[in-house]
Amino acid sequence: MGVPKRRVSHARQGERRAHLAVGLPTLESCPHCHEMKQVHHVCPNCGFYHGRPIVEIKKPAPGETPS
């Protein structure tokens, strides 16, 4: 079994992990309601995906606080 002979330096460790940074999700305009939504996801505003209604969005009743 291979065992490292020397400790990995901080610089070399950082070079190896340079591609692991998390970026912001890509957003696009929903073709149905024109709100910004994540790519390849159902629109959280109208519930449409790929031109079809997928999720029924419940609107809060009058006087009810949205949660």
PDB file of N, CA and C in Angstrom:
ATOM      1  N   MET A   1       0.852  -1.181   0.000  1.00  0.00           N
ATOM      2  CA  MET A   1       0.000   0.000   0.000  1.00  0.00           C
ATOM      3  C   MET A   1       0.894   1.239   0.000  1.00  0.00           C
ATOM      4  N   GLY A   2       0.590   2.180  -0.879  1.00  0.00           N
ATOM      5  CA  GLY A   2       1.415   3.370  -0.986  1.00  0.00           C
ATOM      6  C   GLY A   2       1.193   4.324   0.175  1.00  0.00           C
ATOM      7  N   VAL A   3       2.294   4.780   0.748  1.00  0.00           N
ATOM      8  CA  VAL A   3       2.227   5.730   1.854  1.00  0.00           C
ATOM      9  C   VAL A   3       3.043   6.953   1.458  1.00  0.00           C
ATOM     10  N   PRO A   4       2.509   8.171   1.640  1.00  0.00           N
ATOM     11  CA  PRO A   4       3.273   9.366   1.267  1.00  0.00           C
ATOM     12  C   PRO A   4       4.543   9.486   2.102  1.00  0.00           C
ATOM     13  N   LYS A   5       5.640   9.816   1.431  1.00  0.00           N
ATOM     14  CA  LYS A   5       6.920   9.954   2.131  1.00  0.00           C
ATOM     15  C   LYS A   5       7.028  11.315   2.807  1.00  0.00           C
ATOM     16  N   ARG A   6       6.402  12.350   2.179  1.00  0.00           N
ATOM     17  CA  ARG A   6       6.467  13.694   2.746  1.00  0.00           C
ATOM     18  C   ARG A   6       5.061  14.290   2.836  1.00  0.00           C
ATOM     19  N   ARG A   7       4.942  15.276   3.687  1.00  0.00           N
ATOM     20  CA  ARG A   7       3.673  15.969   3.865  1.00  0.00           C
ATOM     21  C   ARG A   7       3.379  16.825   2.631  1.00  0.00           C
ATOM     22  N   VAL A   8       2.105  16.901   2.240  1.00  0.00           N
ATOM     23  CA  VAL A   8       1.705  17.727   1.101  1.00  0.00           C
ATOM     24  C   VAL A   8       1.641  19.180   1.569  1.00  0.00           C
ATOM     25  N   SER A   9       2.323  20.067   0.835  1.00  0.00           N
ATOM     26  CA  SER A   9       2.351  21.471   1.223  1.00  0.00           C
ATOM     27  C   SER A   9       0.985  22.126   0.981  1.00  0.00           C
ATOM     28  N   HIS A  10       0.777  23.268   1.622  1.00  0.00           N
ATOM     29  CA  HIS A  10      -0.487  24.004   1.460  1.00  0.00           C
ATOM     30  C   HIS A  10      -0.679  24.449   0.018  1.00  0.00           C
ATOM     31  N   ALA A  11       0.403  24.857  -0.636  1.00  0.00           N
ATOM     32  CA  ALA A  11       0.304  25.321  -2.025  1.00  0.00           C
ATOM     33  C   ALA A  11      -0.106  24.166  -2.948  1.00  0.00           C
ATOM     34  N   ARG A  12       0.493  23.013  -2.778  1.00  0.00           N
ATOM     35  CA  ARG A  12       0.169  21.870  -3.631  1.00  0.00           C
ATOM     36  C   ARG A  12      -1.255  21.370  -3.355  1.00  0.00           C
ATOM     37  N   GLN A  13      -1.634  21.415  -2.107  1.00  0.00           N
ATOM     38  CA  GLN A  13      -3.004  21.021  -1.742  1.00  0.00           C
ATOM     39  C   GLN A  13      -4.013  21.990  -2.365  1.00  0.00           C
ATOM     40  N   GLY A  14      -3.690  23.294  -2.348  1.00  0.00           N
ATOM     41  CA  GLY A  14      -4.559  24.292  -2.956  1.00  0.00           C
ATOM     42  C   GLY A  14      -4.657  24.137  -4.460  1.00  0.00           C
ATOM     43  N   GLU A  15      -3.553  23.775  -5.106  1.00  0.00           N
ATOM     44  CA  GLU A  15      -3.569  23.540  -6.553  1.00  0.00           C
ATOM     45  C   GLU A  15      -4.481  22.367  -6.899  1.00  0.00           C
ATOM     46  N   ARG A  16      -4.442  21.351  -6.086  1.00  0.00           N
ATOM     47  CA  ARG A  16      -5.256  20.175  -6.334  1.00  0.00           C
ATOM     48  C   ARG A  16      -6.747  20.489  -6.141  1.00  0.00           C
ATOM     49  N   ARG A  17      -7.066  21.320  -5.180  1.00  0.00           N
ATOM     50  CA  ARG A  17      -8.461  21.632  -4.865  1.00  0.00           C
ATOM     51  C   ARG A  17      -8.979  22.889  -5.566  1.00  0.00           C
ATOM     52  N   ALA A  18      -8.233  23.427  -6.508  1.00  0.00           N
ATOM     53  CA  ALA A  18      -8.602  24.686  -7.153  1.00  0.00           C
ATOM     54  C   ALA A  18      -9.918  24.587  -7.905  1.00  0.00           C
ATOM     55  N   HIS A  19     -10.268  23.418  -8.424  1.00  0.00           N
ATOM     56  CA  HIS A  19     -11.491  23.261  -9.215  1.00  0.00           C
ATOM     57  C   HIS A  19     -12.709  22.912  -8.362  1.00  0.00           C
ATOM     58  N   LEU A  20     -12.561  22.830  -7.046  1.00  0.00           N
ATOM     59  CA  LEU A  20     -13.667  22.412  -6.182  1.00  0.00           C
ATOM     60  C   LEU A  20     -14.538  23.570  -5.701  1.00  0.00           C
ATOM     61  N   ALA A  21     -14.230  24.790  -6.109  1.00  0.00           N
ATOM     62  CA  ALA A  21     -15.005  25.941  -5.659  1.00  0.00           C
ATOM     63  C   ALA A  21     -16.432  25.863  -6.204  1.00  0.00           C
ATOM     64  N   VAL A  22     -17.395  26.236  -5.381  1.00  0.00           N
ATOM     65  CA  VAL A  22     -18.800  26.217  -5.770  1.00  0.00           C
ATOM     66  C   VAL A  22     -19.167  27.593  -6.324  1.00  0.00           C
ATOM     67  N   GLY A  23     -19.783  27.602  -7.496  1.00  0.00           N
ATOM     68  CA  GLY A  23     -20.182  28.858  -8.115  1.00  0.00           C
ATOM     69  C   GLY A  23     -21.668  29.123  -7.936  1.00  0.00           C
ATOM     70  N   LEU A  24     -22.110  30.237  -8.448  1.00  0.00           N
ATOM     71  CA  LEU A  24     -23.524  30.583  -8.383  1.00  0.00           C
ATOM     72  C   LEU A  24     -24.298  29.803  -9.445  1.00  0.00           C
ATOM     73  N   PRO A  25     -25.560  29.447  -9.167  1.00  0.00           N
ATOM     74  CA  PRO A  25     -26.340  28.716 -10.164  1.00  0.00           C
ATOM     75  C   PRO A  25     -26.678  29.605 -11.357  1.00  0.00           C
ATOM     76  N   THR A  26     -26.769  28.988 -12.530  1.00  0.00           N
ATOM     77  CA  THR A  26     -27.115  29.708 -13.743  1.00  0.00           C
ATOM     78  C   THR A  26     -28.610  29.967 -13.761  1.00  0.00           C
ATOM     79  N   LEU A  27     -29.002  31.211 -14.042  1.00  0.00           N
ATOM     80  CA  LEU A  27     -30.407  31.583 -14.083  1.00  0.00           C
ATOM     81  C   LEU A  27     -30.807  31.928 -15.506  1.00  0.00           C
ATOM     82  N   GLU A  28     -32.079  31.686 -15.812  1.00  0.00           N
ATOM     83  CA  GLU A  28     -32.630  32.062 -17.116  1.00  0.00           C
ATOM     84  C   GLU A  28     -34.047  32.561 -16.899  1.00  0.00           C
ATOM     85  N   SER A  29     -34.572  33.234 -17.893  1.00  0.00           N
ATOM     86  CA  SER A  29     -35.931  33.753 -17.823  1.00  0.00           C
ATOM     87  C   SER A  29     -36.918  32.637 -18.153  1.00  0.00           C
ATOM     88  N   CYS A  30     -37.969  32.511 -17.354  1.00  0.00           N
ATOM     89  CA  CYS A  30     -39.009  31.511 -17.607  1.00  0.00           C
ATOM     90  C   CYS A  30     -39.787  31.941 -18.857  1.00  0.00           C
ATOM     91  N   PRO A  31     -39.954  31.051 -19.843  1.00  0.00           N
ATOM     92  CA  PRO A  31     -40.672  31.440 -21.055  1.00  0.00           C
ATOM     93  C   PRO A  31     -42.167  31.668 -20.823  1.00  0.00           C
ATOM     94  N   HIS A  32     -42.702  31.177 -19.710  1.00  0.00           N
ATOM     95  CA  HIS A  32     -44.131  31.315 -19.444  1.00  0.00           C
ATOM     96  C   HIS A  32     -44.447  32.600 -18.684  1.00  0.00           C
ATOM     97  N   CYS A  33     -43.735  32.837 -17.562  1.00  0.00           N
ATOM     98  CA  CYS A  33     -44.054  34.016 -16.731  1.00  0.00           C
ATOM     99  C   CYS A  33     -42.940  35.056 -16.721  1.00  0.00           C
ATOM    100  N   HIS A  34     -41.805  34.773 -17.348  1.00  0.00           N
ATOM    101  CA  HIS A  34     -40.668  35.690 -17.495  1.00  0.00           C
ATOM    102  C   HIS A  34     -39.983  36.033 -16.180  1.00  0.00           C
ATOM    103  N   GLU A  35     -40.175  35.209 -15.145  1.00  0.00           N
ATOM    104  CA  GLU A  35     -39.416  35.364 -13.897  1.00  0.00           C
ATOM    105  C   GLU A  35     -38.106  34.599 -14.049  1.00  0.00           C
ATOM    106  N   MET A  36     -37.114  34.976 -13.272  1.00  0.00           N
ATOM    107  CA  MET A  36     -35.838  34.274 -13.321  1.00  0.00           C
ATOM    108  C   MET A  36     -35.968  32.944 -12.577  1.00  0.00           C
ATOM    109  N   LYS A  37     -35.436  31.878 -13.200  1.00  0.00           N
ATOM    110  CA  LYS A  37     -35.477  30.549 -12.591  1.00  0.00           C
ATOM    111  C   LYS A  37     -34.172  29.841 -12.897  1.00  0.00           C
ATOM    112  N   GLN A  38     -33.905  28.758 -12.150  1.00  0.00           N
ATOM    113  CA  GLN A  38     -32.708  27.976 -12.378  1.00  0.00           C
ATOM    114  C   GLN A  38     -32.873  27.135 -13.639  1.00  0.00           C
ATOM    115  N   VAL A  39     -31.792  26.953 -14.379  1.00  0.00           N
ATOM    116  CA  VAL A  39     -31.826  26.191 -15.619  1.00  0.00           C
ATOM    117  C   VAL A  39     -32.182  24.736 -15.314  1.00  0.00           C
ATOM    118  N   HIS A  40     -33.035  24.116 -16.144  1.00  0.00           N
ATOM    119  CA  HIS A  40     -33.460  22.723 -16.022  1.00  0.00           C
ATOM    120  C   HIS A  40     -34.209  22.447 -14.714  1.00  0.00           C
ATOM    121  N   HIS A  41     -34.911  23.437 -14.185  1.00  0.00           N
ATOM    122  CA  HIS A  41     -35.729  23.273 -12.989  1.00  0.00           C
ATOM    123  C   HIS A  41     -37.123  23.826 -13.267  1.00  0.00           C
ATOM    124  N   VAL A  42     -38.101  23.337 -12.527  1.00  0.00           N
ATOM    125  CA  VAL A  42     -39.459  23.859 -12.619  1.00  0.00           C
ATOM    126  C   VAL A  42     -39.458  25.284 -12.091  1.00  0.00           C
ATOM    127  N   CYS A  43     -40.199  26.158 -12.744  1.00  0.00           N
ATOM    128  CA  CYS A  43     -40.280  27.554 -12.312  1.00  0.00           C
ATOM    129  C   CYS A  43     -40.991  27.614 -10.966  1.00  0.00           C
ATOM    130  N   PRO A  44     -40.377  28.216  -9.937  1.00  0.00           N
ATOM    131  CA  PRO A  44     -41.034  28.296  -8.632  1.00  0.00           C
ATOM    132  C   PRO A  44     -42.199  29.286  -8.609  1.00  0.00           C
ATOM    133  N   ASN A  45     -42.287  30.158  -9.615  1.00  0.00           N
ATOM    134  CA  ASN A  45     -43.343  31.159  -9.652  1.00  0.00           C
ATOM    135  C   ASN A  45     -44.623  30.622 -10.292  1.00  0.00           C
ATOM    136  N   CYS A  46     -44.493  29.934 -11.438  1.00  0.00           N
ATOM    137  CA  CYS A  46     -45.692  29.487 -12.158  1.00  0.00           C
ATOM    138  C   CYS A  46     -45.837  27.964 -12.222  1.00  0.00           C
ATOM    139  N   GLY A  47     -44.776  27.195 -11.940  1.00  0.00           N
ATOM    140  CA  GLY A  47     -44.860  25.744 -11.938  1.00  0.00           C
ATOM    141  C   GLY A  47     -44.724  25.105 -13.308  1.00  0.00           C
ATOM    142  N   PHE A  48     -44.330  25.859 -14.327  1.00  0.00           N
ATOM    143  CA  PHE A  48     -44.186  25.309 -15.673  1.00  0.00           C
ATOM    144  C   PHE A  48     -42.756  24.828 -15.894  1.00  0.00           C
ATOM    145  N   TYR A  49     -42.618  23.764 -16.694  1.00  0.00           N
ATOM    146  CA  TYR A  49     -41.313  23.288 -17.135  1.00  0.00           C
ATOM    147  C   TYR A  49     -41.460  22.765 -18.546  1.00  0.00           C
ATOM    148  N   HIS A  50     -40.644  23.249 -19.432  1.00  0.00           N
ATOM    149  CA  HIS A  50     -40.627  22.808 -20.830  1.00  0.00           C
ATOM    150  C   HIS A  50     -41.981  23.025 -21.513  1.00  0.00           C
ATOM    151  N   GLY A  51     -42.652  24.142 -21.155  1.00  0.00           N
ATOM    152  CA  GLY A  51     -43.906  24.509 -21.798  1.00  0.00           C
ATOM    153  C   GLY A  51     -45.137  23.835 -21.245  1.00  0.00           C
ATOM    154  N   ARG A  52     -44.984  23.023 -20.185  1.00  0.00           N
ATOM    155  CA  ARG A  52     -46.136  22.312 -19.615  1.00  0.00           C
ATOM    156  C   ARG A  52     -46.239  22.591 -18.128  1.00  0.00           C
ATOM    157  N   PRO A  53     -47.470  22.623 -17.596  1.00  0.00           N
ATOM    158  CA  PRO A  53     -47.611  22.777 -16.136  1.00  0.00           C
ATOM    159  C   PRO A  53     -47.229  21.474 -15.443  1.00  0.00           C
ATOM    160  N   ILE A  54     -46.286  21.536 -14.521  1.00  0.00           N
ATOM    161  CA  ILE A  54     -45.798  20.358 -13.811  1.00  0.00           C
ATOM    162  C   ILE A  54     -46.262  20.383 -12.357  1.00  0.00           C
ATOM    163  N   VAL A  55     -46.136  21.531 -11.717  1.00  0.00           N
ATOM    164  CA  VAL A  55     -46.476  21.673 -10.307  1.00  0.00           C
ATOM    165  C   VAL A  55     -47.564  22.728 -10.180  1.00  0.00           C
ATOM    166  N   GLU A  56     -48.571  22.426  -9.380  1.00  0.00           N
ATOM    167  CA  GLU A  56     -49.619  23.411  -9.128  1.00  0.00           C
ATOM    168  C   GLU A  56     -49.178  24.277  -7.954  1.00  0.00           C
ATOM    169  N   ILE A  57     -49.032  25.566  -8.202  1.00  0.00           N
ATOM    170  CA  ILE A  57     -48.596  26.504  -7.176  1.00  0.00           C
ATOM    171  C   ILE A  57     -49.821  26.990  -6.415  1.00  0.00           C
ATOM    172  N   LYS A  58     -49.803  26.821  -5.099  1.00  0.00           N
ATOM    173  CA  LYS A  58     -50.915  27.271  -4.264  1.00  0.00           C
ATOM    174  C   LYS A  58     -50.712  28.730  -3.895  1.00  0.00           C
ATOM    175  N   LYS A  59     -51.703  29.547  -4.151  1.00  0.00           N
ATOM    176  CA  LYS A  59     -51.671  30.955  -3.790  1.00  0.00           C
ATOM    177  C   LYS A  59     -52.245  31.099  -2.375  1.00  0.00           C
ATOM    178  N   PRO A  60     -51.640  31.942  -1.525  1.00  0.00           N
ATOM    179  CA  PRO A  60     -52.172  32.104  -0.172  1.00  0.00           C
ATOM    180  C   PRO A  60     -53.560  32.767  -0.215  1.00  0.00           C
ATOM    181  N   ALA A  61     -54.414  32.315   0.686  1.00  0.00           N
ATOM    182  CA  ALA A  61     -55.770  32.873   0.784  1.00  0.00           C
ATOM    183  C   ALA A  61     -55.678  34.308   1.293  1.00  0.00           C
ATOM    184  N   PRO A  62     -56.679  35.136   0.971  1.00  0.00           N
ATOM    185  CA  PRO A  62     -56.666  36.519   1.473  1.00  0.00           C
ATOM    186  C   PRO A  62     -56.629  36.542   2.996  1.00  0.00           C
ATOM    187  N   GLY A  63     -55.731  37.337   3.549  1.00  0.00           N
ATOM    188  CA  GLY A  63     -55.588  37.449   4.990  1.00  0.00           C
ATOM    189  C   GLY A  63     -54.639  36.418   5.579  1.00  0.00           C
ATOM    190  N   GLU A  64     -54.186  35.483   4.786  1.00  0.00           N
ATOM    191  CA  GLU A  64     -53.277  34.448   5.266  1.00  0.00           C
ATOM    192  C   GLU A  64     -51.839  34.889   4.981  1.00  0.00           C
ATOM    193  N   THR A  65     -50.949  34.657   5.924  1.00  0.00           N
ATOM    194  CA  THR A  65     -49.549  35.039   5.718  1.00  0.00           C
ATOM    195  C   THR A  65     -48.843  33.941   4.933  1.00  0.00           C
ATOM    196  N   PRO A  66     -48.080  34.312   3.910  1.00  0.00           N
ATOM    197  CA  PRO A  66     -47.341  33.298   3.148  1.00  0.00           C
ATOM    198  C   PRO A  66     -46.217  32.727   3.982  1.00  0.00           C
ATOM    199  N   SER A  67     -46.013  31.416   3.901  1.00  0.00           N
ATOM    200  CA  SER A  67     -44.951  30.793   4.698  1.00  0.00           C
ATOM    201  C   SER A  67     -43.890  30.191   3.828  1.00  0.00           C
TER     202      SER A  67
END
